[in-house]
Amino acid sequence: MPVLEELPDPAPLADERELLLAWLDHLRTSLLRKVEDLDEERARWRPDGKLIPLLGIVHHLTHVEWRWTEGTMLGGGTSRSEAEFSPGPELTVADVVAAYRERARTTERVVRSLPITALARDDSGRDLRWVLIHLVEETARHAGHADATRELLDGVTGH
């Protein structure tokens, strides 16, 4: 079975914000390694019509980061659609990967522009620390999902 080269864990960092951002970036990198080398058909493959296709995972996580940073933290309007899990043919692998990378840069700018204890603007009592931990958790869940989907697709394992 093909195995991806080991992706080293982030280095320990004393700054909480930078440590959480490093883990989020680590998970994004692991996820993108599962989809970047796929053609359009394989990126949309689903085992027996179940799970979310790899392309859908990346597309969804792009929207997740937008909702939590610009929506929850900055108070912008957001929306959620089941369509984000199944991008149409107008969105290519390259488009979805580029959008995710751009969203990552925007997320990092927003996170670095606020105090780690900044409260979300949705009156939930959540702060930026909570949002960052949630983004790590959500990305980790979907990265694991991507691991399983990719292994079922063509046997590639590793992160």
Protein backbone atom coordinates (compact mmCIF):
# COMPACT_ATOMS: atom_id res chain seq x y z
CA MET A 1 0.00 0.00 0.00
CA PRO A 2 1.25 3.50 -0.78
CA VAL A 3 2.10 5.52 2.34
CA LEU A 4 2.53 9.28 2.46
CA GLU A 5 5.78 10.50 4.00
CA GLU A 6 5.42 11.26 7.72
CA LEU A 7 4.30 14.80 8.45
CA PRO A 8 6.07 15.97 11.62
CA ASP A 9 3.98 17.41 14.44
CA PRO A 10 4.23 21.13 15.09
CA ALA A 11 6.96 22.24 17.46
CA PRO A 12 5.98 23.15 21.01
CA LEU A 13 5.23 26.86 21.26
CA ALA A 14 4.75 28.96 24.38
CA ASP A 15 2.26 31.30 22.73
CA GLU A 16 -1.20 29.72 22.90
CA ARG A 17 -2.54 31.43 19.77
CA GLU A 18 0.48 30.41 17.70
CA LEU A 19 0.34 26.84 19.02
CA LEU A 20 -3.33 26.50 18.05
CA LEU A 21 -2.64 28.04 14.63
CA ALA A 22 0.30 25.67 14.13
CA TRP A 23 -1.91 22.64 14.86
CA LEU A 24 -4.63 23.97 12.57
CA ASP A 25 -2.07 24.43 9.80
CA HIS A 26 -0.70 20.93 10.43
CA LEU A 27 -4.17 19.45 10.02
CA ARG A 28 -4.86 21.50 6.88
CA THR A 29 -1.59 20.29 5.36
CA SER A 30 -2.44 16.67 6.16
CA LEU A 31 -5.88 17.07 4.61
CA LEU A 32 -4.61 18.75 1.45
CA ARG A 33 -2.09 15.96 0.90
CA LYS A 34 -5.07 13.61 0.54
CA VAL A 35 -6.71 15.55 -2.30
CA GLU A 36 -4.11 17.62 -4.20
CA ASP A 37 -2.85 14.80 -6.40
CA LEU A 38 -6.30 13.49 -7.38
CA ASP A 39 -8.06 14.05 -10.68
CA GLU A 40 -11.57 15.53 -10.68
CA GLU A 41 -13.36 12.19 -10.71
CA ARG A 42 -11.37 10.63 -7.89
CA ALA A 43 -11.63 13.79 -5.75
CA ARG A 44 -15.43 13.44 -5.94
CA TRP A 45 -15.50 9.67 -5.27
CA ARG A 46 -17.59 8.36 -2.39
CA PRO A 47 -17.55 4.75 -1.18
CA ASP A 48 -20.96 3.32 -2.06
CA GLY A 49 -22.35 6.84 -2.11
CA LYS A 50 -21.55 7.26 1.59
CA LEU A 51 -19.29 9.67 3.43
CA ILE A 52 -18.28 13.02 1.96
CA PRO A 53 -15.99 13.15 -1.09
CA LEU A 54 -12.50 14.48 -0.43
CA LEU A 55 -13.23 17.59 -2.48
CA GLY A 56 -16.37 18.18 -0.40
CA ILE A 57 -14.41 17.94 2.84
CA VAL A 58 -11.99 20.67 1.75
CA HIS A 59 -14.81 22.84 0.39
CA HIS A 60 -16.81 22.42 3.62
CA LEU A 61 -13.83 23.29 5.84
CA THR A 62 -13.26 26.46 3.82
CA HIS A 63 -16.80 27.50 4.72
CA VAL A 64 -16.37 26.39 8.35
CA GLU A 65 -13.38 28.70 8.82
CA TRP A 66 -15.28 31.57 7.18
CA ARG A 67 -18.33 31.05 9.42
CA TRP A 68 -16.33 30.96 12.63
CA THR A 69 -13.87 33.77 11.92
CA GLU A 70 -15.77 36.33 9.90
CA GLY A 71 -19.19 35.26 11.12
CA THR A 72 -18.95 34.31 14.78
CA MET A 73 -15.87 36.33 15.76
CA LEU A 74 -16.32 39.42 13.58
CA GLY A 75 -20.11 39.46 13.51
CA GLY A 76 -20.57 39.06 9.77
CA GLY A 77 -23.52 37.27 8.30
CA THR A 78 -23.07 33.63 7.46
CA SER A 79 -24.97 30.80 5.89
CA ARG A 80 -24.66 27.04 5.72
CA SER A 81 -25.68 24.76 2.91
CA GLU A 82 -25.50 21.03 2.35
CA ALA A 83 -24.18 21.92 -1.12
CA GLU A 84 -20.78 22.79 0.37
CA PHE A 85 -20.24 19.03 0.90
CA SER A 86 -20.66 18.29 -2.82
CA PRO A 87 -19.07 21.00 -4.98
CA GLY A 88 -20.41 21.11 -8.52
CA PRO A 89 -18.33 20.49 -11.63
CA GLU A 90 -17.66 24.22 -11.96
CA LEU A 91 -15.27 23.93 -8.99
CA THR A 92 -12.10 22.05 -9.79
CA VAL A 93 -9.67 20.45 -7.36
CA ALA A 94 -7.30 23.36 -8.02
CA ASP A 95 -10.08 25.91 -7.31
CA VAL A 96 -11.12 24.28 -4.04
CA VAL A 97 -7.53 23.84 -2.83
CA ALA A 98 -6.68 27.47 -3.71
CA ALA A 99 -9.80 28.72 -1.90
CA TYR A 100 -8.91 26.69 1.20
CA ARG A 101 -5.37 28.05 1.22
CA GLU A 102 -6.65 31.62 0.84
CA ARG A 103 -9.19 31.06 3.62
CA ALA A 104 -6.37 29.75 5.85
CA ARG A 105 -4.41 32.97 5.28
CA THR A 106 -7.52 35.04 6.08
CA THR A 107 -8.25 32.99 9.19
CA GLU A 108 -4.71 33.52 10.42
CA ARG A 109 -4.94 37.28 9.81
CA VAL A 110 -8.22 37.51 11.71
CA VAL A 111 -6.93 35.38 14.59
CA ARG A 112 -3.76 37.43 14.91
CA SER A 113 -5.73 40.69 14.85
CA LEU A 114 -7.75 39.84 17.97
CA PRO A 115 -6.85 39.15 21.58
CA ILE A 116 -7.07 35.42 22.36
CA THR A 117 -9.78 36.30 24.91
CA ALA A 118 -11.83 38.38 22.46
CA LEU A 119 -15.49 37.46 22.77
CA ALA A 120 -17.46 36.30 19.77
CA ARG A 121 -20.06 38.75 18.55
CA ASP A 122 -22.88 36.22 18.69
CA ASP A 123 -23.54 36.64 22.45
CA SER A 124 -22.67 32.96 23.03
CA GLY A 125 -19.94 33.68 25.58
CA ARG A 126 -17.39 31.94 23.34
CA ASP A 127 -14.03 33.57 22.88
CA LEU A 128 -11.33 33.32 20.23
CA ARG A 129 -9.62 30.53 22.18
CA TRP A 130 -12.82 28.46 22.03
CA VAL A 131 -13.22 29.15 18.31
CA LEU A 132 -9.63 28.11 17.56
CA ILE A 133 -10.00 24.88 19.53
CA HIS A 134 -13.25 24.20 17.68
CA LEU A 135 -11.54 24.79 14.30
CA VAL A 136 -8.79 22.34 15.28
CA GLU A 137 -11.41 19.80 16.38
CA GLU A 138 -13.56 20.17 13.26
CA THR A 139 -10.55 19.98 10.95
CA ALA A 140 -9.18 16.94 12.80
CA ARG A 141 -12.51 15.11 12.47
CA HIS A 142 -12.64 15.74 8.75
CA ALA A 143 -8.94 14.94 8.27
CA GLY A 144 -9.65 11.52 9.79
CA HIS A 145 -12.63 11.16 7.48
CA ALA A 146 -10.32 12.06 4.57
CA ASP A 147 -7.82 9.42 5.71
CA ALA A 148 -10.50 6.74 5.57
CA THR A 149 -11.93 7.89 2.24
CA ARG A 150 -8.51 8.06 0.60
CA GLU A 151 -7.52 4.62 1.86
CA LEU A 152 -10.78 3.16 0.52
CA LEU A 153 -10.27 4.99 -2.78
CA ASP A 154 -6.77 3.81 -3.65
CA GLY A 155 -5.02 2.45 -0.58
CA VAL A 156 -3.00 5.60 0.24
CA THR A 157 -2.39 5.91 3.96
CA GLY A 158 -0.48 8.25 6.25
CA HIS A 159 -0.93 11.86 7.12
